[in-house]
Amino acid sequence: MEPVLARSVVLADDGVHILDRRNFPFERVWVRCTTVAEVAKAIEDMVTQSSGPYFAALWGMVLAAREARGLPRDEARASLERAGELLVATRRTNNALRKAVAAVLAGVDAAEDVEAGALAGARAGDERYRERSRRLGAFTAALLPDDGAVLTHCWADLYLTETVKAARGLGKRLRFVCTETRPYLQGARLTAETLGEMGVDTTLITDGMGAAVMSAGEVDVLLTAADRVTMDGHVVNKVGTLGLAVAAHAFDVPFLAMVQAPDRLAPTAGDVPIEHRPGEEVLHTLGRRTATDRARGRYPAFDVTPPRFVSTVVTDRGAYAPHELADYYAEDVHD
């Protein structure tokens, strides 16, 4: 049985239904989006996170195709391009939304009917992402200890669940330590909950405890996803990853970063826009204010870990040292 969050964005006749991760697992509320603009707003407002925006973008583009029904083909195609730009602009650090939009537009260009092509492209993009996550999980599981503790940060979504499935298939016995991941507590509410749902031995720590558990020898590997990995080996991920990576380096704990593929459009870290969310979000937890108006908040949503603190980048084609990522594209395969 799949974890609940594995299918948290669903296309229906009346719109796109998105499981609200801001309230999960305490409430299971689905947000219905009837237009692509509403999907974009849901992504921007953190209704869905991690790989959720990728799937939301896929099905949001199908809504855009529905909205363009009856337009001449050229006008419909142009309308979908504008919809894609709107979706990509919602979370610019992660390049998955760009890939989702490209998948749908490729389907449109390959079909006579725009709406049918958009649906075919979205379905192909959905399966492709899931298959690549399965391969990524298998390569990652092979690198993990047979019996050990894994520290993770934020919510790696399908990357993590596929890794756990693959590790079990190899007979490995893993324990996970999860940071809570302020201010949205993805690690506490999503990672820990889903690992527990899968029957994994799971311990939750606060964000400030990572270095302490590594210094005490309580974890064997640091494992996170990456929102983007540059061609020169910088890992861009949820803010807090950098601090954990530096501590892992100091205490000889290997850091494995998971990503389906390094981004050829980002040769260096300077090519990746870092999203800064409203500082007000730092002053709240689960809808409750945690600081008075005597303080202001600051919230860079992502940080950048230099390659010297990264042991291995694991992709859907295998594991690479940070300085060898160009080898990923040695095969002449379109990404």
C-alpha atoms as a PDB file:
ATOM      1  CA  MET A   1       0.000   0.000   0.000  1.00  0.00           C
ATOM      2  CA  GLU A   2       1.380   3.403  -0.993  1.00  0.00           C
ATOM      3  CA  PRO A   3       1.932   6.128   1.611  1.00  0.00           C
ATOM      4  CA  VAL A   4      -0.796   8.758   1.626  1.00  0.00           C
ATOM      5  CA  LEU A   5       1.471  11.486   0.250  1.00  0.00           C
ATOM      6  CA  ALA A   6       2.500   9.406  -2.786  1.00  0.00           C
ATOM      7  CA  ARG A   7      -0.725  10.435  -4.546  1.00  0.00           C
ATOM      8  CA  SER A   8      -1.449  13.866  -3.141  1.00  0.00           C
ATOM      9  CA  VAL A   9      -2.362  15.678  -6.383  1.00  0.00           C
ATOM     10  CA  VAL A  10      -5.273  14.316  -8.402  1.00  0.00           C
ATOM     11  CA  LEU A  11      -6.881  15.455 -11.655  1.00  0.00           C
ATOM     12  CA  ALA A  12     -10.678  15.203 -11.750  1.00  0.00           C
ATOM     13  CA  ASP A  13     -13.473  16.456 -13.986  1.00  0.00           C
ATOM     14  CA  ASP A  14     -14.085  19.380 -11.629  1.00  0.00           C
ATOM     15  CA  GLY A  15     -10.449  20.472 -11.282  1.00  0.00           C
ATOM     16  CA  VAL A  16      -7.186  19.541  -9.625  1.00  0.00           C
ATOM     17  CA  HIS A  17      -7.461  18.310  -6.034  1.00  0.00           C
ATOM     18  CA  ILE A  18      -4.385  18.921  -3.849  1.00  0.00           C
ATOM     19  CA  LEU A  19      -3.937  17.444  -0.374  1.00  0.00           C
ATOM     20  CA  ASP A  20      -3.137  20.377   1.908  1.00  0.00           C
ATOM     21  CA  ARG A  21       0.273  19.524   3.362  1.00  0.00           C
ATOM     22  CA  ARG A  22       0.169  22.545   5.653  1.00  0.00           C
ATOM     23  CA  ASN A  23      -2.289  20.692   7.897  1.00  0.00           C
ATOM     24  CA  PHE A  24      -1.268  17.091   7.279  1.00  0.00           C
ATOM     25  CA  PRO A  25      -1.364  14.676   9.129  1.00  0.00           C
ATOM     26  CA  PHE A  26      -3.642  16.294  11.718  1.00  0.00           C
ATOM     27  CA  GLU A  27      -6.221  17.099   9.061  1.00  0.00           C
ATOM     28  CA  ARG A  28      -6.711  15.618   5.622  1.00  0.00           C
ATOM     29  CA  VAL A  29      -8.143  18.482   3.635  1.00  0.00           C
ATOM     30  CA  TRP A  30      -8.156  18.588  -0.152  1.00  0.00           C
ATOM     31  CA  VAL A  31      -7.969  21.962  -1.900  1.00  0.00           C
ATOM     32  CA  ARG A  32      -9.849  22.015  -5.199  1.00  0.00           C
ATOM     33  CA  CYS A  33      -8.379  24.215  -7.925  1.00  0.00           C
ATOM     34  CA  THR A  34     -10.592  24.896 -10.936  1.00  0.00           C
ATOM     35  CA  THR A  35      -8.140  27.040 -12.916  1.00  0.00           C
ATOM     36  CA  VAL A  36      -4.433  27.050 -13.577  1.00  0.00           C
ATOM     37  CA  ALA A  37      -4.215  30.344 -11.669  1.00  0.00           C
ATOM     38  CA  GLU A  38      -5.654  28.632  -8.600  1.00  0.00           C
ATOM     39  CA  VAL A  39      -3.123  25.824  -8.944  1.00  0.00           C
ATOM     40  CA  ALA A  40      -0.321  28.393  -9.107  1.00  0.00           C
ATOM     41  CA  LYS A  41      -1.645  30.114  -5.989  1.00  0.00           C
ATOM     42  CA  ALA A  42      -1.818  26.780  -4.135  1.00  0.00           C
ATOM     43  CA  ILE A  43       1.816  26.045  -5.003  1.00  0.00           C
ATOM     44  CA  GLU A  44       2.905  29.529  -3.967  1.00  0.00           C
ATOM     45  CA  ASP A  45       0.994  29.291  -0.680  1.00  0.00           C
ATOM     46  CA  MET A  46       2.691  25.977   0.237  1.00  0.00           C
ATOM     47  CA  VAL A  47      -0.475  23.887  -0.013  1.00  0.00           C
ATOM     48  CA  THR A  48       1.861  21.364  -1.620  1.00  0.00           C
ATOM     49  CA  GLN A  49       5.625  20.998  -1.274  1.00  0.00           C
ATOM     50  CA  SER A  50       8.597  18.898  -2.391  1.00  0.00           C
ATOM     51  CA  SER A  51       7.554  16.902  -5.486  1.00  0.00           C
ATOM     52  CA  GLY A  52       3.940  18.011  -5.037  1.00  0.00           C
ATOM     53  CA  PRO A  53       4.383  21.175  -7.120  1.00  0.00           C
ATOM     54  CA  TYR A  54       5.711  19.055 -10.012  1.00  0.00           C
ATOM     55  CA  PHE A  55       2.511  17.018 -10.145  1.00  0.00           C
ATOM     56  CA  ALA A  56       0.379  20.094  -9.516  1.00  0.00           C
ATOM     57  CA  ALA A  57       2.054  21.791 -12.483  1.00  0.00           C
ATOM     58  CA  LEU A  58       1.392  18.776 -14.716  1.00  0.00           C
ATOM     59  CA  TRP A  59      -2.301  18.684 -13.967  1.00  0.00           C
ATOM     60  CA  GLY A  60      -2.552  22.482 -13.778  1.00  0.00           C
ATOM     61  CA  MET A  61      -1.390  22.595 -17.391  1.00  0.00           C
ATOM     62  CA  VAL A  62      -4.240  20.229 -18.255  1.00  0.00           C
ATOM     63  CA  LEU A  63      -6.626  22.742 -16.670  1.00  0.00           C
ATOM     64  CA  ALA A  64      -4.998  25.417 -18.818  1.00  0.00           C
ATOM     65  CA  ALA A  65      -5.703  23.283 -21.894  1.00  0.00           C
ATOM     66  CA  ARG A  66      -9.327  22.961 -20.812  1.00  0.00           C
ATOM     67  CA  GLU A  67      -9.507  26.725 -20.412  1.00  0.00           C
ATOM     68  CA  ALA A  68      -8.148  27.131 -23.957  1.00  0.00           C
ATOM     69  CA  ARG A  69     -10.809  24.841 -25.416  1.00  0.00           C
ATOM     70  CA  GLY A  70     -12.264  26.283 -28.592  1.00  0.00           C
ATOM     71  CA  LEU A  71      -9.346  28.598 -29.351  1.00  0.00           C
ATOM     72  CA  PRO A  72      -7.407  28.251 -32.608  1.00  0.00           C
ATOM     73  CA  ARG A  73      -4.425  25.951 -32.112  1.00  0.00           C
ATOM     74  CA  ASP A  74      -1.783  28.700 -32.193  1.00  0.00           C
ATOM     75  CA  GLU A  75      -3.688  30.759 -29.654  1.00  0.00           C
ATOM     76  CA  ALA A  76      -4.242  27.734 -27.425  1.00  0.00           C
ATOM     77  CA  ARG A  77      -0.544  26.859 -27.586  1.00  0.00           C
ATOM     78  CA  ALA A  78       0.402  30.428 -26.667  1.00  0.00           C
ATOM     79  CA  SER A  79      -2.087  30.356 -23.788  1.00  0.00           C
ATOM     80  CA  LEU A  80      -0.473  27.193 -22.439  1.00  0.00           C
ATOM     81  CA  GLU A  81       2.971  28.777 -22.644  1.00  0.00           C
ATOM     82  CA  ARG A  82       1.724  31.681 -20.522  1.00  0.00           C
ATOM     83  CA  ALA A  83       0.199  29.234 -18.055  1.00  0.00           C
ATOM     84  CA  GLY A  84       3.526  27.451 -17.862  1.00  0.00           C
ATOM     85  CA  GLU A  85       5.349  30.682 -17.124  1.00  0.00           C
ATOM     86  CA  LEU A  86       2.887  31.395 -14.316  1.00  0.00           C
ATOM     87  CA  LEU A  87       3.457  27.978 -12.763  1.00  0.00           C
ATOM     88  CA  VAL A  88       7.257  28.071 -13.049  1.00  0.00           C
ATOM     89  CA  ALA A  89       7.350  31.494 -11.367  1.00  0.00           C
ATOM     90  CA  THR A  90       5.702  30.150  -8.197  1.00  0.00           C
ATOM     91  CA  ARG A  91       8.784  28.294  -6.851  1.00  0.00           C
ATOM     92  CA  ARG A  92      11.815  29.256  -8.925  1.00  0.00           C
ATOM     93  CA  THR A  93      14.578  27.486  -7.001  1.00  0.00           C
ATOM     94  CA  ASN A  94      13.369  23.983  -7.875  1.00  0.00           C
ATOM     95  CA  ASN A  95      13.537  23.310 -11.610  1.00  0.00           C
ATOM     96  CA  ALA A  96      10.983  20.466 -11.518  1.00  0.00           C
ATOM     97  CA  LEU A  97       8.140  22.796 -12.458  1.00  0.00           C
ATOM     98  CA  ARG A  98       9.953  23.759 -15.649  1.00  0.00           C
ATOM     99  CA  LYS A  99      10.234  20.066 -16.523  1.00  0.00           C
ATOM    100  CA  ALA A 100       6.546  19.491 -15.812  1.00  0.00           C
ATOM    101  CA  VAL A 101       5.550  22.312 -18.119  1.00  0.00           C
ATOM    102  CA  ALA A 102       7.909  21.048 -20.824  1.00  0.00           C
ATOM    103  CA  ALA A 103       6.398  17.547 -20.579  1.00  0.00           C
ATOM    104  CA  VAL A 104       2.897  18.864 -21.183  1.00  0.00           C
ATOM    105  CA  LEU A 105       3.925  21.162 -24.028  1.00  0.00           C
ATOM    106  CA  ALA A 106       5.722  18.240 -25.682  1.00  0.00           C
ATOM    107  CA  GLY A 107       2.489  16.281 -25.517  1.00  0.00           C
ATOM    108  CA  VAL A 108       0.597  19.171 -27.060  1.00  0.00           C
ATOM    109  CA  ASP A 109       3.091  19.493 -29.904  1.00  0.00           C
ATOM    110  CA  ALA A 110       2.821  15.781 -30.663  1.00  0.00           C
ATOM    111  CA  ALA A 111      -0.976  15.715 -30.919  1.00  0.00           C
ATOM    112  CA  GLU A 112      -3.609  17.202 -33.186  1.00  0.00           C
ATOM    113  CA  ASP A 113      -5.925  18.039 -30.313  1.00  0.00           C
ATOM    114  CA  VAL A 114      -4.457  20.420 -27.724  1.00  0.00           C
ATOM    115  CA  GLU A 115      -6.437  19.117 -24.753  1.00  0.00           C
ATOM    116  CA  ALA A 116      -5.776  15.463 -25.552  1.00  0.00           C
ATOM    117  CA  GLY A 117      -2.104  16.224 -26.096  1.00  0.00           C
ATOM    118  CA  ALA A 118      -1.858  18.061 -22.766  1.00  0.00           C
ATOM    119  CA  LEU A 119      -3.407  15.122 -20.946  1.00  0.00           C
ATOM    120  CA  ALA A 120      -1.081  12.635 -22.670  1.00  0.00           C
ATOM    121  CA  GLY A 121       1.939  14.814 -21.866  1.00  0.00           C
ATOM    122  CA  ALA A 122       0.926  15.130 -18.214  1.00  0.00           C
ATOM    123  CA  ARG A 123       0.428  11.381 -17.875  1.00  0.00           C
ATOM    124  CA  ALA A 124       3.809  10.728 -19.474  1.00  0.00           C
ATOM    125  CA  GLY A 125       5.430  13.290 -17.169  1.00  0.00           C
ATOM    126  CA  ASP A 126       3.811  11.685 -14.139  1.00  0.00           C
ATOM    127  CA  GLU A 127       5.032   8.189 -14.957  1.00  0.00           C
ATOM    128  CA  ARG A 128       8.468   9.399 -15.977  1.00  0.00           C
ATOM    129  CA  TYR A 129       8.978  11.171 -12.657  1.00  0.00           C
ATOM    130  CA  ARG A 130       7.856   8.137 -10.694  1.00  0.00           C
ATOM    131  CA  GLU A 131      10.057   5.773 -12.684  1.00  0.00           C
ATOM    132  CA  ARG A 132      13.094   8.008 -12.319  1.00  0.00           C
ATOM    133  CA  SER A 133      12.406   8.241  -8.576  1.00  0.00           C
ATOM    134  CA  ARG A 134      12.340   4.440  -8.392  1.00  0.00           C
ATOM    135  CA  ARG A 135      15.720   4.230 -10.105  1.00  0.00           C
ATOM    136  CA  LEU A 136      17.108   6.967  -7.880  1.00  0.00           C
ATOM    137  CA  GLY A 137      15.837   5.141  -4.810  1.00  0.00           C
ATOM    138  CA  ALA A 138      17.491   1.895  -5.902  1.00  0.00           C
ATOM    139  CA  PHE A 139      20.875   3.556  -6.453  1.00  0.00           C
ATOM    140  CA  THR A 140      20.610   5.369  -3.122  1.00  0.00           C
ATOM    141  CA  ALA A 141      19.622   2.263  -1.158  1.00  0.00           C
ATOM    142  CA  ALA A 142      22.670   0.423  -2.477  1.00  0.00           C
ATOM    143  CA  LEU A 143      24.920   3.038  -0.835  1.00  0.00           C
ATOM    144  CA  LEU A 144      23.312   2.883   2.606  1.00  0.00           C
ATOM    145  CA  PRO A 145      24.590   0.635   5.407  1.00  0.00           C
ATOM    146  CA  ASP A 146      23.007  -2.776   5.916  1.00  0.00           C
ATOM    147  CA  ASP A 147      22.098  -1.841   9.473  1.00  0.00           C
ATOM    148  CA  GLY A 148      22.404   1.808  10.398  1.00  0.00           C
ATOM    149  CA  ALA A 149      20.902   5.199  11.153  1.00  0.00           C
ATOM    150  CA  VAL A 150      20.150   7.819   8.506  1.00  0.00           C
ATOM    151  CA  LEU A 151      19.759  11.516   9.274  1.00  0.00           C
ATOM    152  CA  THR A 152      17.531  13.401   6.864  1.00  0.00           C
ATOM    153  CA  HIS A 153      16.326  16.995   6.543  1.00  0.00           C
ATOM    154  CA  CYS A 154      12.994  18.216   5.227  1.00  0.00           C
ATOM    155  CA  TRP A 155      10.734  16.015   3.114  1.00  0.00           C
ATOM    156  CA  ALA A 156      12.329  14.140   0.208  1.00  0.00           C
ATOM    157  CA  ASP A 157       8.968  12.722  -0.905  1.00  0.00           C
ATOM    158  CA  LEU A 158       9.143   9.966  -3.553  1.00  0.00           C
ATOM    159  CA  TYR A 159      12.929   9.984  -3.445  1.00  0.00           C
ATOM    160  CA  LEU A 160      12.819   8.897   0.180  1.00  0.00           C
ATOM    161  CA  THR A 161       9.921   6.450  -0.004  1.00  0.00           C
ATOM    162  CA  GLU A 162      11.458   4.711  -3.020  1.00  0.00           C
ATOM    163  CA  THR A 163      14.792   4.519  -1.185  1.00  0.00           C
ATOM    164  CA  VAL A 164      13.111   2.878   1.795  1.00  0.00           C
ATOM    165  CA  LYS A 165      11.325   0.373  -0.461  1.00  0.00           C
ATOM    166  CA  ALA A 166      14.563  -0.480  -2.272  1.00  0.00           C
ATOM    167  CA  ALA A 167      16.513  -0.814   0.981  1.00  0.00           C
ATOM    168  CA  ARG A 168      13.933  -3.262   2.281  1.00  0.00           C
ATOM    169  CA  GLY A 169      14.224  -5.241  -0.915  1.00  0.00           C
ATOM    170  CA  LEU A 170      17.938  -5.550  -0.206  1.00  0.00           C
ATOM    171  CA  GLY A 171      17.267  -6.757   3.330  1.00  0.00           C
ATOM    172  CA  LYS A 172      18.677  -3.613   4.937  1.00  0.00           C
ATOM    173  CA  ARG A 173      17.572  -2.518   8.389  1.00  0.00           C
ATOM    174  CA  LEU A 174      17.557   1.250   8.560  1.00  0.00           C
ATOM    175  CA  ARG A 175      16.598   3.685  11.272  1.00  0.00           C
ATOM    176  CA  PHE A 176      15.832   7.298  10.439  1.00  0.00           C
ATOM    177  CA  VAL A 177      16.436  10.483  12.385  1.00  0.00           C
ATOM    178  CA  CYS A 178      14.400  13.422  11.065  1.00  0.00           C
ATOM    179  CA  THR A 179      14.871  17.114  11.706  1.00  0.00           C
ATOM    180  CA  GLU A 180      11.620  18.950  12.320  1.00  0.00           C
ATOM    181  CA  THR A 181      12.352  21.493   9.528  1.00  0.00           C
ATOM    182  CA  ARG A 182      11.150  24.894  10.636  1.00  0.00           C
ATOM    183  CA  PRO A 183       9.030  26.848   9.958  1.00  0.00           C
ATOM    184  CA  TYR A 184       6.620  24.484   8.164  1.00  0.00           C
ATOM    185  CA  LEU A 185       7.737  21.374  10.053  1.00  0.00           C
ATOM    186  CA  GLN A 186       7.871  19.196   6.948  1.00  0.00           C
ATOM    187  CA  GLY A 187      10.271  16.839   8.676  1.00  0.00           C
ATOM    188  CA  ALA A 188       7.983  16.426  11.676  1.00  0.00           C
ATOM    189  CA  ARG A 189       4.660  16.259   9.847  1.00  0.00           C
ATOM    190  CA  LEU A 190       5.568  14.722   6.484  1.00  0.00           C
ATOM    191  CA  THR A 191       8.849  12.787   6.768  1.00  0.00           C
ATOM    192  CA  ALA A 192       8.386  11.313  10.231  1.00  0.00           C
ATOM    193  CA  GLU A 193       4.718  10.589   9.595  1.00  0.00           C
ATOM    194  CA  THR A 194       5.318   8.829   6.286  1.00  0.00           C
ATOM    195  CA  LEU A 195       8.275   6.813   7.561  1.00  0.00           C
ATOM    196  CA  GLY A 196       6.144   5.771  10.507  1.00  0.00           C
ATOM    197  CA  GLU A 197       3.335   4.888   8.119  1.00  0.00           C
ATOM    198  CA  MET A 198       5.819   2.637   6.293  1.00  0.00           C
ATOM    199  CA  GLY A 199       6.824   0.957   9.553  1.00  0.00           C
ATOM    200  CA  VAL A 200      10.291   2.511   9.738  1.00  0.00           C
ATOM    201  CA  ASP A 201      12.008   3.113  13.090  1.00  0.00           C
ATOM    202  CA  THR A 202      11.875   6.922  13.241  1.00  0.00           C
ATOM    203  CA  THR A 203      13.206   9.501  15.700  1.00  0.00           C
ATOM    204  CA  LEU A 204      12.391  13.211  15.499  1.00  0.00           C
ATOM    205  CA  ILE A 205      14.886  15.901  16.569  1.00  0.00           C
ATOM    206  CA  THR A 206      14.791  19.672  16.450  1.00  0.00           C
ATOM    207  CA  ASP A 207      16.701  21.489  13.714  1.00  0.00           C
ATOM    208  CA  GLY A 208      19.445  22.474  16.149  1.00  0.00           C
ATOM    209  CA  MET A 209      20.304  18.911  17.190  1.00  0.00           C
ATOM    210  CA  GLY A 210      21.855  17.613  13.967  1.00  0.00           C
ATOM    211  CA  ALA A 211      25.479  18.344  14.820  1.00  0.00           C
ATOM    212  CA  ALA A 212      25.037  16.874  18.288  1.00  0.00           C
ATOM    213  CA  VAL A 213      23.726  13.511  17.077  1.00  0.00           C
ATOM    214  CA  MET A 214      26.499  13.311  14.496  1.00  0.00           C
ATOM    215  CA  SER A 215      29.194  14.165  17.026  1.00  0.00           C
ATOM    216  CA  ALA A 216      27.842  11.426  19.308  1.00  0.00           C
ATOM    217  CA  GLY A 217      28.138   8.851  16.533  1.00  0.00           C
ATOM    218  CA  GLU A 218      24.387   8.271  16.480  1.00  0.00           C
ATOM    219  CA  VAL A 219      23.982   8.428  12.696  1.00  0.00           C
ATOM    220  CA  ASP A 220      25.892   6.749   9.876  1.00  0.00           C
ATOM    221  CA  VAL A 221      24.918   8.924   6.922  1.00  0.00           C
ATOM    222  CA  LEU A 222      23.282  12.250   6.122  1.00  0.00           C
ATOM    223  CA  LEU A 223      20.772  11.826   3.296  1.00  0.00           C
ATOM    224  CA  THR A 224      18.695  14.597   1.742  1.00  0.00           C
ATOM    225  CA  ALA A 225      17.000  15.383  -1.499  1.00  0.00           C
ATOM    226  CA  ALA A 226      18.135  18.355  -3.559  1.00  0.00           C
ATOM    227  CA  ASP A 227      15.877  20.902  -5.166  1.00  0.00           C
ATOM    228  CA  ARG A 228      18.654  21.463  -7.658  1.00  0.00           C
ATOM    229  CA  VAL A 229      22.263  20.364  -8.162  1.00  0.00           C
ATOM    230  CA  THR A 230      24.485  22.543 -10.323  1.00  0.00           C
ATOM    231  CA  MET A 231      26.911  21.143 -12.847  1.00  0.00           C
ATOM    232  CA  ASP A 232      29.842  22.159 -10.637  1.00  0.00           C
ATOM    233  CA  GLY A 233      28.449  20.173  -7.711  1.00  0.00           C
ATOM    234  CA  HIS A 234      26.640  22.694  -5.511  1.00  0.00           C
ATOM    235  CA  VAL A 235      23.604  21.235  -3.758  1.00  0.00           C
ATOM    236  CA  VAL A 236      20.616  23.559  -3.390  1.00  0.00           C
ATOM    237  CA  ASN A 237      18.089  22.320  -0.853  1.00  0.00           C
ATOM    238  CA  LYS A 238      15.850  23.350   2.022  1.00  0.00           C
ATOM    239  CA  VAL A 239      17.553  25.896   4.263  1.00  0.00           C
ATOM    240  CA  GLY A 240      19.415  24.105   7.052  1.00  0.00           C
ATOM    241  CA  THR A 241      20.992  21.551   4.723  1.00  0.00           C
ATOM    242  CA  LEU A 242      24.225  23.543   4.586  1.00  0.00           C
ATOM    243  CA  GLY A 243      24.683  23.490   8.360  1.00  0.00           C
ATOM    244  CA  LEU A 244      24.070  19.751   8.511  1.00  0.00           C
ATOM    245  CA  ALA A 245      26.496  19.141   5.642  1.00  0.00           C
ATOM    246  CA  VAL A 246      29.240  21.161   7.340  1.00  0.00           C
ATOM    247  CA  ALA A 247      28.688  19.238  10.582  1.00  0.00           C
ATOM    248  CA  ALA A 248      28.703  15.931   8.698  1.00  0.00           C
ATOM    249  CA  HIS A 249      32.030  16.880   7.119  1.00  0.00           C
ATOM    250  CA  ALA A 250      33.450  17.767  10.541  1.00  0.00           C
ATOM    251  CA  PHE A 251      32.411  14.441  12.061  1.00  0.00           C
ATOM    252  CA  ASP A 252      33.252  12.205   9.079  1.00  0.00           C
ATOM    253  CA  VAL A 253      29.628  11.384   8.273  1.00  0.00           C
ATOM    254  CA  PRO A 254      29.070  10.961   4.509  1.00  0.00           C
ATOM    255  CA  PHE A 255      26.517  13.306   2.918  1.00  0.00           C
ATOM    256  CA  LEU A 256      24.488  11.845   0.044  1.00  0.00           C
ATOM    257  CA  ALA A 257      22.334  14.259  -1.964  1.00  0.00           C
ATOM    258  CA  MET A 258      19.555  12.819  -4.122  1.00  0.00           C
ATOM    259  CA  VAL A 259      18.419  14.400  -7.374  1.00  0.00           C
ATOM    260  CA  GLN A 260      17.086  12.864 -10.554  1.00  0.00           C
ATOM    261  CA  ALA A 261      19.626  14.766 -12.639  1.00  0.00           C
ATOM    262  CA  PRO A 262      22.055  17.674 -12.309  1.00  0.00           C
ATOM    263  CA  ASP A 263      20.775  20.786 -14.051  1.00  0.00           C
ATOM    264  CA  ARG A 264      22.546  21.667 -17.279  1.00  0.00           C
ATOM    265  CA  LEU A 265      20.907  25.097 -17.166  1.00  0.00           C
ATOM    266  CA  ALA A 266      22.718  25.816 -13.897  1.00  0.00           C
ATOM    267  CA  PRO A 267      26.486  25.579 -14.461  1.00  0.00           C
ATOM    268  CA  THR A 268      27.151  27.249 -11.090  1.00  0.00           C
ATOM    269  CA  ALA A 269      25.323  28.188  -7.899  1.00  0.00           C
ATOM    270  CA  GLY A 270      25.044  31.727  -9.223  1.00  0.00           C
ATOM    271  CA  ASP A 271      22.646  30.430 -11.878  1.00  0.00           C
ATOM    272  CA  VAL A 272      20.079  29.279  -9.300  1.00  0.00           C
ATOM    273  CA  PRO A 273      17.603  31.838  -7.932  1.00  0.00           C
ATOM    274  CA  ILE A 274      17.135  31.398  -4.182  1.00  0.00           C
ATOM    275  CA  GLU A 275      13.567  31.925  -3.081  1.00  0.00           C
ATOM    276  CA  HIS A 276      13.052  34.248  -0.128  1.00  0.00           C
ATOM    277  CA  ARG A 277       9.668  33.767   1.463  1.00  0.00           C
ATOM    278  CA  PRO A 278       7.938  36.324   3.708  1.00  0.00           C
ATOM    279  CA  GLY A 279       9.742  36.687   7.019  1.00  0.00           C
ATOM    280  CA  GLU A 280       6.369  36.605   8.738  1.00  0.00           C
ATOM    281  CA  GLU A 281       6.281  32.844   8.121  1.00  0.00           C
ATOM    282  CA  VAL A 282       9.231  32.370  10.488  1.00  0.00           C
ATOM    283  CA  LEU A 283       7.221  34.038  13.256  1.00  0.00           C
ATOM    284  CA  HIS A 284       4.502  31.369  13.100  1.00  0.00           C
ATOM    285  CA  THR A 285       4.306  27.603  13.591  1.00  0.00           C
ATOM    286  CA  LEU A 286       1.240  25.633  12.490  1.00  0.00           C
ATOM    287  CA  GLY A 287      -0.752  28.848  12.301  1.00  0.00           C
ATOM    288  CA  ARG A 288       0.186  30.087  15.769  1.00  0.00           C
ATOM    289  CA  ARG A 289       2.438  33.077  16.316  1.00  0.00           C
ATOM    290  CA  THR A 290       5.650  32.137  18.144  1.00  0.00           C
ATOM    291  CA  ALA A 291       7.253  35.575  18.483  1.00  0.00           C
ATOM    292  CA  THR A 292       5.943  39.019  19.361  1.00  0.00           C
ATOM    293  CA  ASP A 293       6.113  42.013  17.096  1.00  0.00           C
ATOM    294  CA  ARG A 294       9.361  43.009  18.808  1.00  0.00           C
ATOM    295  CA  ALA A 295      11.128  40.732  16.302  1.00  0.00           C
ATOM    296  CA  ARG A 296      11.047  40.503  12.548  1.00  0.00           C
ATOM    297  CA  GLY A 297      11.543  37.305  10.568  1.00  0.00           C
ATOM    298  CA  ARG A 298      13.842  36.448   7.685  1.00  0.00           C
ATOM    299  CA  TYR A 299      13.294  33.381   5.565  1.00  0.00           C
ATOM    300  CA  PRO A 300      15.610  32.307   2.741  1.00  0.00           C
ATOM    301  CA  ALA A 301      13.803  29.068   1.872  1.00  0.00           C
ATOM    302  CA  PHE A 302      16.903  27.328   0.473  1.00  0.00           C
ATOM    303  CA  ASP A 303      20.635  27.277   1.008  1.00  0.00           C
ATOM    304  CA  VAL A 304      23.579  26.193  -1.119  1.00  0.00           C
ATOM    305  CA  THR A 305      26.047  23.520   0.002  1.00  0.00           C
ATOM    306  CA  PRO A 306      29.458  23.760  -1.729  1.00  0.00           C
ATOM    307  CA  PRO A 307      30.747  20.525  -3.296  1.00  0.00           C
ATOM    308  CA  ARG A 308      33.547  20.152  -0.744  1.00  0.00           C
ATOM    309  CA  PHE A 309      30.885  19.242   1.836  1.00  0.00           C
ATOM    310  CA  VAL A 310      29.082  16.759  -0.446  1.00  0.00           C
ATOM    311  CA  SER A 311      30.303  13.162  -0.526  1.00  0.00           C
ATOM    312  CA  THR A 312      28.113  11.866  -3.338  1.00  0.00           C
ATOM    313  CA  VAL A 313      25.339  13.045  -5.622  1.00  0.00           C
ATOM    314  CA  VAL A 314      22.973  10.159  -6.346  1.00  0.00           C
ATOM    315  CA  THR A 315      20.947  10.354  -9.568  1.00  0.00           C
ATOM    316  CA  ASP A 316      18.623   8.112 -11.552  1.00  0.00           C
ATOM    317  CA  ARG A 317      21.708   6.924 -13.477  1.00  0.00           C
ATOM    318  CA  GLY A 318      23.868   6.188 -10.484  1.00  0.00           C
ATOM    319  CA  ALA A 319      26.177   7.914  -8.023  1.00  0.00           C
ATOM    320  CA  TYR A 320      28.680  10.632  -8.928  1.00  0.00           C
ATOM    321  CA  ALA A 321      31.300  12.632  -7.109  1.00  0.00           C
ATOM    322  CA  PRO A 322      30.334  16.332  -7.172  1.00  0.00           C
ATOM    323  CA  HIS A 323      33.157  17.140  -9.617  1.00  0.00           C
ATOM    324  CA  GLU A 324      32.121  14.356 -12.018  1.00  0.00           C
ATOM    325  CA  LEU A 325      28.528  15.387 -12.724  1.00  0.00           C
ATOM    326  CA  ALA A 326      29.232  16.076 -16.391  1.00  0.00           C
ATOM    327  CA  ASP A 327      29.528  12.294 -16.738  1.00  0.00           C
ATOM    328  CA  TYR A 328      25.790  12.050 -16.142  1.00  0.00           C
ATOM    329  CA  TYR A 329      25.260  13.409 -19.644  1.00  0.00           C
ATOM    330  CA  ALA A 330      27.868  11.220 -21.284  1.00  0.00           C
ATOM    331  CA  GLU A 331      24.975   9.285 -22.781  1.00  0.00           C
ATOM    332  CA  ASP A 332      23.213  11.261 -25.482  1.00  0.00           C
ATOM    333  CA  VAL A 333      19.838  11.088 -23.733  1.00  0.00           C
ATOM    334  CA  HIS A 334      17.401  13.976 -23.578  1.00  0.00           C
ATOM    335  CA  ASP A 335      16.604  15.061 -20.011  1.00  0.00           C
END
